[in-house]
Amino acid sequence: MRNLTPLFVAGILAATAWNVQAQAVSWNSLQYTRSEKATVTPANQKVGPSAQFDFLSRHTSVPAVGIGNARILDVPVTTIEDSVGTEANSTFDISVYGFIKADASYDNSRTNPGNYVLYVDREASRRNDNEFNLTANQTRLGLQLRESSGSDIRASGRLEIDFYGNYADENKAKIQMRHAFFEVNWPEHQLQLLAGQTWDVVSPLNPSTVNYSVLWNAGNIGYRRPQIRLTKQVAVGTSGSLELQAAIARTVGHEVLGAGAPSETGEDNGYPTFQGRVGLNLPFLSDSPTSLGVSAHYATEECDTSATGSSMTFNSWSLNVDFVQPITKSIVVAAEAFRGANLKAYLGGIGQGIRAISIDGETHGFDNEISSRGGWVVVTASAAKRIDLSLGASVDDVKDGDLNQGDRTINRVVFGNVVYALTERAGIAIELSHWRTGYLDSTDADDWRAQTALTYKF
C-alpha cells in the first residue's frame, strides 16, 4: 500500500486553510511572527537544550528560562490572521511551526529500540553488538490556533504531530499524534480549562537531551495522554505564585494473556486516572524565580485473567517532586524525583508495570504491581552567544522482589551535550551518553552512545 503520510499532512493544512478562507471577511497580509512559547526555554515543558526539540509547554507555572533551546526553538511561524467580523471585533490566528530533524547515532551495544534509547538489551548472547541509526522521524509539524474576541474569555488550541508512529519501515514513517487540545482561559480569575491530549500534570519537566526519549524508562516519568484539566493560579506576595492543577485522564494499559484473554486494562476498569499538582514559584537566587512542585497520580487497571470473565485489579500510582533553580542568567539546575508502582504507561519501572506469571514462555496471569523509584538532574548553561551546554544523570531503580528472573532491575544514564546555532533557523547538536541496564540474576548491559542532530526550524 502506498505511504499516505504526505497526503495526510497536506490534507490537514489544506483543510485548515480552506476553513479559514471560507470564514474570512477580509485577509490580512501573511506575516512572520515568533511563537509565544518558543522564545524561551520553558522549564515546565522540560528544560534546556533538551526539549531543544520539544518546546510545547506542559501548562504549569514553572518559570521560563532564557537559555538552552531558546535559540534552537525560537522559530519564526507563519501566522494567518482572519478578521471574522468587525462588529464582533474578533480575530482567528493560525500559526504553523515545526522543524526538520536528522539524527545519526552510534551505539557500541544493542539498545532498545535503536533510533533512540530506552535501555540496553541483555548481552548474554551478543555482547557489544554495535549499531548505527539514521532517521528523520522526529521531524515535527504543528498548528497553533488562537481566538481573540475582545471578551473576558480567551480560547486557543494546538495540534502537533511527529513521525514516530508504530510499526513502520525506517524510510516509510507513520504519523504520531503528540498534542491535540484546546484551552479556555479566564484571565481575570487566573483560571484555565484544558481538554484534549497533551502532557501529564505529574512530573512536568523534561531533561535537556538530544536523545528523543528524554530519559524515559531511565528516571524521567510522564508522557502525553487524553485529559480534562483545570488550573488555578494564586498570587503569593508581590512576586510569587501558587499553582493548583487537577485532571482526569485516560488510563492507558493493555495486557494480553497466552490463555487468550485480551485486556484493555485501563478501559476495563471503568474509571479515569486522577492527577494533581501543587507548584510554588518564588524569587530566591536570581531574578528568575525558583520553582518547586509536588504532584501525584492514582489509577486502577483491570486485567482479564481468563476468557470467561475473571479478572484482577491493580493500582498505578506515583508521588513526584520537580525543582528548577536558576543560578545565574546563564546557568540553570533542574531535577525531578519519583516513587510509585505500575508505571509502565508513565515510562517508569524501565517499561515494566505488572509482573506476569509465565508458563513455558506464555503469560498465564498477573501477580503484583512493580514498584520503582528514581529521578534525574541536569545543569544547563549558555556558554556563548551561539552555544548551549548540558550535563546530567538519571536512574530508574526497580524493586527486585517484584520481578521475575531476567527482568530489568536498574537503568542508569550519564550524558553531556553541546548545541550550536549555525543560523537563526539551523542548528547542530552533539551528545555523548553512557547507559547501564541491570538484569535480575544476570550481568549488567552497558552502552556508549554518540549522537548528532541537524535541525532546521520553521
Protein backbone atom coordinates (compact mmCIF):
# COMPACT_ATOMS: atom_id res chain seq x y z
CA MET A 1 0.00 0.00 0.00
CA ARG A 2 1.27 3.47 -0.85
CA ASN A 3 2.51 5.53 2.09
CA LEU A 4 -0.22 8.11 2.78
CA THR A 5 1.69 10.20 5.35
CA PRO A 6 2.49 13.11 2.98
CA LEU A 7 -1.08 13.20 1.71
CA PHE A 8 -2.43 13.19 5.25
CA VAL A 9 -0.24 16.10 6.35
CA ALA A 10 -1.10 18.06 3.21
CA GLY A 11 -4.77 17.37 3.83
CA ILE A 12 -4.58 18.79 7.36
CA LEU A 13 -3.03 22.02 6.14
CA ALA A 14 -5.30 22.32 3.12
CA ALA A 15 -8.43 21.73 5.17
CA THR A 16 -7.34 24.28 7.75
CA ALA A 17 -6.52 26.88 5.14
CA TRP A 18 -9.86 26.29 3.37
CA ASN A 19 -11.77 26.65 6.63
CA VAL A 20 -10.08 29.97 7.39
CA GLN A 21 -10.63 31.24 3.86
CA ALA A 22 -14.29 30.24 3.86
CA GLN A 23 -14.98 32.25 7.01
CA ALA A 24 -12.85 35.23 6.17
CA VAL A 25 -14.38 38.60 5.51
CA SER A 26 -11.00 40.04 4.63
CA TRP A 27 -7.42 38.75 4.60
CA ASN A 28 -4.55 40.48 6.28
CA SER A 29 -1.16 40.03 4.68
CA LEU A 30 0.79 36.89 5.51
CA GLN A 31 3.37 37.71 8.15
CA TYR A 32 6.07 36.05 10.20
CA THR A 33 5.94 36.20 13.99
CA ARG A 34 7.59 34.30 16.77
CA SER A 35 5.89 31.59 18.74
CA GLU A 36 4.99 32.81 22.23
CA LYS A 37 6.33 29.71 23.93
CA ALA A 38 9.35 29.16 21.72
CA THR A 39 11.31 32.27 22.61
CA VAL A 40 12.45 30.87 25.95
CA THR A 41 13.31 27.51 27.40
CA PRO A 42 10.25 26.76 29.49
CA ALA A 43 11.23 24.65 32.44
CA ASN A 44 7.66 23.49 32.64
CA GLN A 45 7.92 21.91 29.28
CA LYS A 46 11.11 20.27 30.12
CA VAL A 47 14.23 22.19 30.41
CA GLY A 48 17.22 23.35 28.41
CA PRO A 49 18.55 22.41 25.02
CA SER A 50 16.80 19.21 25.80
CA ALA A 51 13.48 19.92 24.86
CA GLN A 52 15.59 21.67 22.39
CA PHE A 53 13.35 19.93 20.00
CA ASP A 54 10.26 19.69 22.23
CA PHE A 55 9.01 23.14 23.10
CA LEU A 56 5.37 22.60 23.93
CA SER A 57 4.75 23.83 27.46
CA ARG A 58 3.25 21.41 29.93
CA HIS A 59 0.97 24.21 31.11
CA THR A 60 2.49 24.74 34.53
CA SER A 61 3.82 27.95 36.00
CA VAL A 62 7.41 26.78 36.32
CA PRO A 63 9.45 29.86 35.39
CA ALA A 64 10.70 30.28 31.86
CA VAL A 65 14.46 30.07 31.48
CA GLY A 66 16.06 32.09 28.71
CA ILE A 67 18.79 29.64 27.77
CA GLY A 68 19.13 26.29 26.09
CA ASN A 69 16.56 25.72 23.41
CA ALA A 70 15.98 29.46 23.38
CA ARG A 71 17.95 29.71 20.15
CA ILE A 72 17.14 26.33 18.74
CA LEU A 73 13.41 26.76 19.26
CA ASP A 74 12.97 30.47 18.71
CA VAL A 75 11.24 29.70 15.45
CA PRO A 76 9.50 32.08 13.08
CA VAL A 77 5.99 30.82 12.42
CA THR A 78 3.62 31.77 9.64
CA THR A 79 0.52 33.47 11.02
CA ILE A 80 -2.67 33.82 9.01
CA GLU A 81 -4.97 36.34 10.65
CA ASP A 82 -8.63 36.11 9.74
CA SER A 83 -10.92 39.05 10.56
CA VAL A 84 -14.16 37.23 11.20
CA GLY A 85 -16.30 40.32 11.65
CA THR A 86 -15.84 43.95 12.56
CA GLU A 87 -18.95 44.10 14.74
CA ALA A 88 -17.73 41.30 16.98
CA ASN A 89 -14.16 42.63 16.79
CA SER A 90 -12.97 39.02 16.61
CA THR A 91 -9.83 37.53 15.08
CA PHE A 92 -8.64 33.99 14.49
CA ASP A 93 -4.93 33.22 14.08
CA ILE A 94 -3.30 30.06 12.78
CA SER A 95 0.44 29.65 13.42
CA VAL A 96 2.32 26.92 11.57
CA TYR A 97 5.52 25.77 13.28
CA GLY A 98 7.87 22.84 13.37
CA PHE A 99 11.29 21.59 12.40
CA ILE A 100 13.07 19.08 10.19
CA LYS A 101 15.49 16.97 12.23
CA ALA A 102 18.02 14.36 11.12
CA ASP A 103 19.51 12.16 13.87
CA ALA A 104 22.60 9.98 13.39
CA SER A 105 23.77 7.77 16.25
CA TYR A 106 26.31 5.06 17.01
CA ASP A 107 25.97 2.58 19.90
CA ASN A 108 28.62 0.05 20.85
CA SER A 109 25.90 -2.30 22.18
CA ARG A 110 22.38 -3.21 21.12
CA THR A 111 19.78 -0.81 22.53
CA ASN A 112 16.01 -0.70 22.63
CA PRO A 113 14.56 0.45 20.32
CA GLY A 114 17.57 1.86 18.39
CA ASN A 115 16.74 5.24 16.85
CA TYR A 116 16.57 6.41 20.45
CA VAL A 117 17.45 4.64 23.70
CA LEU A 118 15.17 3.47 26.49
CA TYR A 119 17.52 0.79 27.88
CA VAL A 120 20.33 -1.55 26.83
CA ASP A 121 19.37 -5.06 25.67
CA ARG A 122 20.70 -8.11 27.53
CA GLU A 123 24.19 -9.01 26.39
CA ALA A 124 24.29 -12.66 27.44
CA SER A 125 24.23 -13.92 23.85
CA ARG A 126 25.51 -10.92 21.87
CA ARG A 127 27.85 -8.71 23.85
CA ASN A 128 28.98 -5.40 22.29
CA ASP A 129 26.73 -5.84 19.25
CA ASN A 130 27.24 -2.33 17.87
CA GLU A 131 24.68 -0.48 15.75
CA PHE A 132 24.27 2.66 13.65
CA ASN A 133 20.99 4.52 13.15
CA LEU A 134 19.98 7.42 10.91
CA THR A 135 16.43 8.78 10.98
CA ALA A 136 14.31 11.86 10.35
CA ASN A 137 11.32 10.57 12.35
CA GLN A 138 11.48 13.31 14.99
CA THR A 139 10.62 15.88 12.34
CA ARG A 140 7.65 17.81 13.70
CA LEU A 141 4.69 19.78 12.35
CA GLY A 142 2.27 21.80 14.43
CA LEU A 143 -0.62 24.23 14.24
CA GLN A 144 -1.26 26.76 16.99
CA LEU A 145 -4.75 28.25 16.96
CA ARG A 146 -5.72 31.48 18.69
CA GLU A 147 -9.03 33.26 19.01
CA SER A 148 -9.33 36.85 20.18
CA SER A 149 -12.86 38.17 20.56
CA GLY A 150 -12.29 41.13 22.87
CA SER A 151 -14.20 39.39 25.67
CA ASP A 152 -13.04 38.33 29.12
CA ILE A 153 -12.66 34.73 27.93
CA ARG A 154 -9.78 33.62 25.69
CA ALA A 155 -9.61 30.37 23.75
CA SER A 156 -6.74 28.68 21.92
CA GLY A 157 -5.73 25.26 20.66
CA ARG A 158 -2.84 23.21 19.36
CA LEU A 159 -2.39 20.26 17.02
CA GLU A 160 1.05 18.66 16.75
CA ILE A 161 2.45 15.52 15.11
CA ASP A 162 5.76 13.82 14.53
CA PHE A 163 6.64 10.66 12.60
CA TYR A 164 7.41 8.13 15.31
CA GLY A 165 4.18 6.18 14.71
CA ASN A 166 4.35 2.44 15.39
CA TYR A 167 5.35 -0.40 13.09
CA ALA A 168 6.67 1.46 10.05
CA ASP A 169 9.66 0.80 7.81
CA GLU A 170 12.53 3.18 8.51
CA ASN A 171 12.01 5.02 5.21
CA LYS A 172 8.18 5.00 5.43
CA ALA A 173 7.46 6.77 8.70
CA LYS A 174 3.95 6.94 10.17
CA ILE A 175 2.26 9.90 11.80
CA GLN A 176 2.07 10.05 15.59
CA MET A 177 -0.30 12.48 17.28
CA ARG A 178 1.57 14.31 20.02
CA HIS A 179 -0.83 17.06 21.03
CA ALA A 180 -4.44 17.80 20.16
CA PHE A 181 -6.07 20.08 22.71
CA PHE A 182 -7.82 23.38 23.28
CA GLU A 183 -7.86 25.58 26.34
CA VAL A 184 -10.19 28.27 27.64
CA ASN A 185 -8.75 30.98 29.89
CA TRP A 186 -10.43 33.40 32.28
CA PRO A 187 -7.52 35.87 32.89
CA GLU A 188 -9.42 37.92 35.46
CA HIS A 189 -9.84 34.83 37.62
CA GLN A 190 -6.47 33.22 36.72
CA LEU A 191 -8.36 30.08 35.71
CA GLN A 192 -7.83 27.71 32.78
CA LEU A 193 -9.73 24.72 31.40
CA LEU A 194 -7.91 22.34 29.02
CA ALA A 195 -9.39 19.42 27.07
CA GLY A 196 -7.66 17.02 24.69
CA GLN A 197 -4.32 15.24 24.57
CA THR A 198 -1.16 16.82 25.95
CA TRP A 199 1.47 16.35 28.68
CA ASP A 200 0.62 14.78 32.02
CA VAL A 201 0.14 17.03 35.02
CA VAL A 202 2.61 14.92 37.02
CA SER A 203 6.38 15.29 36.66
CA PRO A 204 6.13 18.30 34.34
CA LEU A 205 9.81 18.76 33.44
CA ASN A 206 11.99 17.27 30.70
CA PRO A 207 15.80 17.00 30.81
CA SER A 208 17.85 18.60 28.07
CA THR A 209 18.84 15.62 25.94
CA VAL A 210 19.41 15.22 22.21
CA ASN A 211 18.11 11.66 22.54
CA TYR A 212 14.42 11.73 21.54
CA SER A 213 13.26 9.80 24.62
CA VAL A 214 14.46 12.41 27.22
CA LEU A 215 15.49 9.72 29.76
CA TRP A 216 12.15 7.90 29.74
CA ASN A 217 12.45 4.50 31.45
CA ALA A 218 15.68 5.83 32.96
CA GLY A 219 14.44 8.20 35.66
CA ASN A 220 12.11 10.63 33.87
CA ILE A 221 8.42 9.73 34.04
CA GLY A 222 5.38 11.41 32.48
CA TYR A 223 4.03 11.29 28.95
CA ARG A 224 1.08 12.56 26.91
CA ARG A 225 -2.49 11.27 27.16
CA PRO A 226 -6.12 12.45 26.72
CA GLN A 227 -7.32 14.50 29.68
CA ILE A 228 -9.55 17.25 31.01
CA ARG A 229 -7.62 19.64 33.23
CA LEU A 230 -8.36 22.61 35.46
CA THR A 231 -5.61 25.06 36.51
CA LYS A 232 -5.87 27.85 39.08
CA GLN A 233 -3.19 30.50 39.74
CA VAL A 234 -2.98 32.27 43.11
CA ALA A 235 -0.70 35.25 43.80
CA VAL A 236 1.76 34.86 46.68
CA GLY A 237 3.11 38.16 47.94
CA THR A 238 4.22 40.67 45.32
CA SER A 239 6.31 38.40 43.09
CA GLY A 240 5.38 34.80 43.84
CA SER A 241 2.63 32.47 42.67
CA LEU A 242 0.94 29.25 43.67
CA GLU A 243 -0.46 26.94 41.00
CA LEU A 244 -3.10 24.27 41.61
CA GLN A 245 -3.82 21.68 38.93
CA ALA A 246 -6.25 18.77 38.80
CA ALA A 247 -7.09 16.47 35.89
CA ILE A 248 -8.92 13.33 34.92
CA ALA A 249 -7.05 11.40 32.24
CA ARG A 250 -7.34 8.28 30.12
CA THR A 251 -5.96 5.21 31.89
CA VAL A 252 -3.68 3.63 29.31
CA GLY A 253 -2.85 -0.07 29.56
CA HIS A 254 -3.02 -3.27 27.56
CA GLU A 255 -2.07 -6.78 28.60
CA VAL A 256 -2.61 -9.99 26.63
CA LEU A 257 -2.57 -13.44 28.21
CA GLY A 258 -1.33 -16.54 26.45
CA ALA A 259 -4.60 -18.17 27.54
CA GLY A 260 -6.41 -15.95 25.05
CA ALA A 261 -7.95 -13.27 27.24
CA PRO A 262 -7.13 -9.85 25.74
CA SER A 263 -7.45 -7.00 28.21
CA GLU A 264 -7.64 -3.23 27.66
CA THR A 265 -6.76 -2.77 31.29
CA GLY A 266 -7.40 0.96 31.56
CA GLU A 267 -10.73 0.91 29.75
CA ASP A 268 -11.98 -2.21 31.55
CA ASN A 269 -11.63 -0.59 34.95
CA GLY A 270 -14.40 1.91 34.24
CA TYR A 271 -12.73 4.91 35.90
CA PRO A 272 -10.31 7.62 34.75
CA THR A 273 -6.86 8.36 36.12
CA PHE A 274 -6.70 11.18 38.67
CA GLN A 275 -3.73 13.58 38.51
CA GLY A 276 -2.85 16.63 40.57
CA ARG A 277 -0.02 19.06 41.20
CA VAL A 278 0.77 21.95 43.55
CA GLY A 279 3.53 24.29 42.38
CA LEU A 280 5.17 27.26 44.10
CA ASN A 281 7.27 29.93 42.36
CA LEU A 282 9.25 32.40 44.49
CA PRO A 283 12.34 34.57 43.85
CA PHE A 284 15.44 33.18 45.52
CA LEU A 285 18.94 33.30 43.99
CA SER A 286 18.24 35.31 40.84
CA ASP A 287 15.65 37.44 39.08
CA SER A 288 14.05 34.26 37.72
CA PRO A 289 12.00 32.54 40.44
CA THR A 290 12.78 29.19 41.99
CA SER A 291 10.13 26.59 41.19
CA LEU A 292 9.15 23.69 43.44
CA GLY A 293 6.28 21.32 42.69
CA VAL A 294 4.71 18.20 44.18
CA SER A 295 2.49 16.01 42.02
CA ALA A 296 0.75 12.64 42.17
CA HIS A 297 -1.48 10.32 40.19
CA TYR A 298 -3.70 7.34 41.00
CA ALA A 299 -5.38 4.84 38.70
CA THR A 300 -6.54 1.24 38.66
CA GLU A 301 -6.31 -1.34 35.89
CA GLU A 302 -8.50 -4.40 35.43
CA CYS A 303 -6.63 -7.35 33.93
CA ASP A 304 -8.69 -10.18 32.45
CA THR A 305 -7.22 -13.49 33.58
CA SER A 306 -9.45 -15.79 31.55
CA ALA A 307 -11.74 -15.76 28.56
CA THR A 308 -14.72 -16.40 30.85
CA GLY A 309 -14.65 -13.05 32.65
CA SER A 310 -12.48 -13.50 35.74
CA SER A 311 -10.15 -10.57 36.39
CA MET A 312 -7.73 -8.92 38.81
CA THR A 313 -7.39 -5.24 39.69
CA PHE A 314 -4.03 -3.50 40.05
CA ASN A 315 -3.17 0.01 41.21
CA SER A 316 -0.99 2.56 39.43
CA TRP A 317 0.32 5.48 41.47
CA SER A 318 3.17 7.94 41.72
CA LEU A 319 4.38 10.68 44.06
CA ASN A 320 6.73 13.19 42.41
CA VAL A 321 8.82 16.28 43.12
CA ASP A 322 10.05 18.76 40.49
CA PHE A 323 12.55 21.56 41.03
CA VAL A 324 14.05 24.35 38.90
CA GLN A 325 16.71 26.71 40.26
CA PRO A 326 18.25 29.45 38.10
CA ILE A 327 21.77 30.03 39.46
CA THR A 328 22.63 32.94 37.18
CA LYS A 329 21.13 34.32 33.98
CA SER A 330 23.00 31.65 32.03
CA ILE A 331 23.03 28.62 34.36
CA VAL A 332 20.00 26.59 35.46
CA VAL A 333 19.68 23.44 37.54
CA ALA A 334 16.58 21.28 37.03
CA ALA A 335 15.65 17.99 38.68
CA GLU A 336 12.82 15.55 39.30
CA ALA A 337 12.33 12.56 41.61
CA PHE A 338 9.57 9.95 41.70
CA ARG A 339 8.34 6.92 43.59
CA GLY A 340 5.46 4.69 42.55
CA ALA A 341 4.15 1.40 41.22
CA ASN A 342 2.85 0.08 37.91
CA LEU A 343 4.38 2.98 35.95
CA LYS A 344 4.75 1.34 32.54
CA ALA A 345 2.25 3.76 30.95
CA TYR A 346 4.19 6.64 32.53
CA LEU A 347 7.53 5.38 31.20
CA GLY A 348 8.76 4.35 34.64
CA GLY A 349 9.82 1.00 36.05
CA ILE A 350 12.08 0.58 32.97
CA GLY A 351 8.97 -0.25 30.95
CA GLN A 352 7.61 -2.83 33.44
CA GLY A 353 4.23 -2.38 35.13
CA ILE A 354 2.67 -5.63 36.35
CA ARG A 355 4.58 -8.86 36.98
CA ALA A 356 3.39 -11.63 34.71
CA ILE A 357 3.08 -15.31 35.60
CA SER A 358 4.79 -17.17 32.76
CA ILE A 359 4.50 -20.86 31.91
CA ASP A 360 6.58 -22.18 29.01
CA GLY A 361 7.15 -18.64 27.79
CA GLU A 362 3.44 -17.67 27.74
CA THR A 363 1.71 -15.23 30.09
CA HIS A 364 -0.97 -17.05 32.09
CA GLY A 365 -1.77 -14.47 34.73
CA PHE A 366 -0.61 -11.46 36.69
CA ASP A 367 0.93 -11.29 40.11
CA ASN A 368 1.67 -7.83 41.52
CA GLU A 369 2.44 -4.22 40.66
CA ILE A 370 6.12 -3.49 40.02
CA SER A 371 7.43 -0.71 42.28
CA SER A 372 10.19 1.69 41.26
CA ARG A 373 11.86 4.94 42.26
CA GLY A 374 14.27 7.30 40.56
CA GLY A 375 14.91 10.72 39.13
CA TRP A 376 17.25 12.93 37.16
CA VAL A 377 19.25 16.14 37.45
CA VAL A 378 20.56 18.40 34.67
CA VAL A 379 22.72 21.52 34.66
CA THR A 380 22.24 23.67 31.55
CA ALA A 381 24.38 26.66 30.65
CA SER A 382 24.69 29.23 27.90
CA ALA A 383 28.43 29.19 27.24
CA ALA A 384 28.47 31.73 24.41
CA LYS A 385 26.17 33.59 22.05
CA ARG A 386 25.55 30.50 19.90
CA ILE A 387 26.47 27.64 22.26
CA ASP A 388 24.49 25.84 24.98
CA LEU A 389 25.84 23.04 27.18
CA SER A 390 24.08 20.41 29.29
CA LEU A 391 25.38 17.80 31.73
CA GLY A 392 23.12 15.36 33.55
CA ALA A 393 22.49 11.98 35.15
CA SER A 394 19.46 9.82 35.90
CA VAL A 395 18.38 6.49 37.41
CA ASP A 396 15.30 4.25 37.45
CA ASP A 397 15.61 1.67 40.26
CA VAL A 398 13.06 -1.16 40.30
CA LYS A 399 12.29 -3.26 43.40
CA ASP A 400 13.95 -6.65 42.84
CA GLY A 401 11.31 -8.55 44.82
CA ASP A 402 8.61 -7.52 42.33
CA LEU A 403 10.43 -9.01 39.32
CA ASN A 404 10.89 -12.32 37.56
CA GLN A 405 14.32 -13.67 36.71
CA GLY A 406 15.79 -11.82 33.76
CA ASP A 407 13.68 -8.68 34.24
CA ARG A 408 15.28 -5.22 34.27
CA THR A 409 16.30 -4.04 37.75
CA ILE A 410 18.07 -0.69 37.29
CA ASN A 411 18.75 1.75 34.46
CA ARG A 412 21.40 4.48 34.83
CA VAL A 413 22.47 7.22 32.43
CA VAL A 414 25.16 9.91 32.39
CA PHE A 415 25.19 12.35 29.46
CA GLY A 416 26.55 15.60 28.14
CA ASN A 417 25.71 17.61 25.03
CA VAL A 418 26.58 20.73 23.08
CA VAL A 419 24.06 22.67 20.97
CA TYR A 420 25.36 25.16 18.40
CA ALA A 421 23.15 27.57 16.43
CA LEU A 422 24.51 27.74 12.87
CA THR A 423 21.93 30.36 11.87
CA GLU A 424 18.67 31.65 13.30
CA ARG A 425 16.91 28.54 11.98
CA ALA A 426 19.60 25.88 11.55
CA GLY A 427 21.40 24.16 14.40
CA ILE A 428 23.62 21.19 15.21
CA ALA A 429 23.78 19.20 18.45
CA ILE A 430 26.26 16.55 19.65
CA GLU A 431 25.67 14.27 22.62
CA LEU A 432 27.69 11.55 24.35
CA SER A 433 25.95 9.28 26.86
CA HIS A 434 26.67 6.12 28.83
CA TRP A 435 23.84 3.70 29.62
CA ARG A 436 23.95 0.78 32.07
CA THR A 437 20.94 -1.54 32.47
CA GLY A 438 20.88 -4.21 35.17
CA TYR A 439 19.04 -7.54 34.87
CA LEU A 440 17.89 -9.78 37.73
CA ASP A 441 20.25 -12.75 38.16
CA SER A 442 22.29 -11.67 35.15
CA THR A 443 25.19 -9.38 34.28
CA ASP A 444 24.63 -5.70 33.57
CA ALA A 445 24.50 -4.45 29.98
CA ASP A 446 26.19 -1.17 29.11
CA ASP A 447 26.35 1.08 26.06
CA TRP A 448 28.27 4.14 24.90
CA ARG A 449 26.16 6.26 22.56
CA ALA A 450 27.36 9.09 20.33
CA GLN A 451 24.62 11.09 18.63
CA THR A 452 24.45 14.14 16.42
CA ALA A 453 21.37 16.03 15.28
CA LEU A 454 20.95 18.56 12.49
CA THR A 455 17.82 20.68 12.73
CA TYR A 456 16.10 23.27 10.57
CA LYS A 457 13.19 25.07 12.20
CA PHE A 458 10.34 26.88 10.52
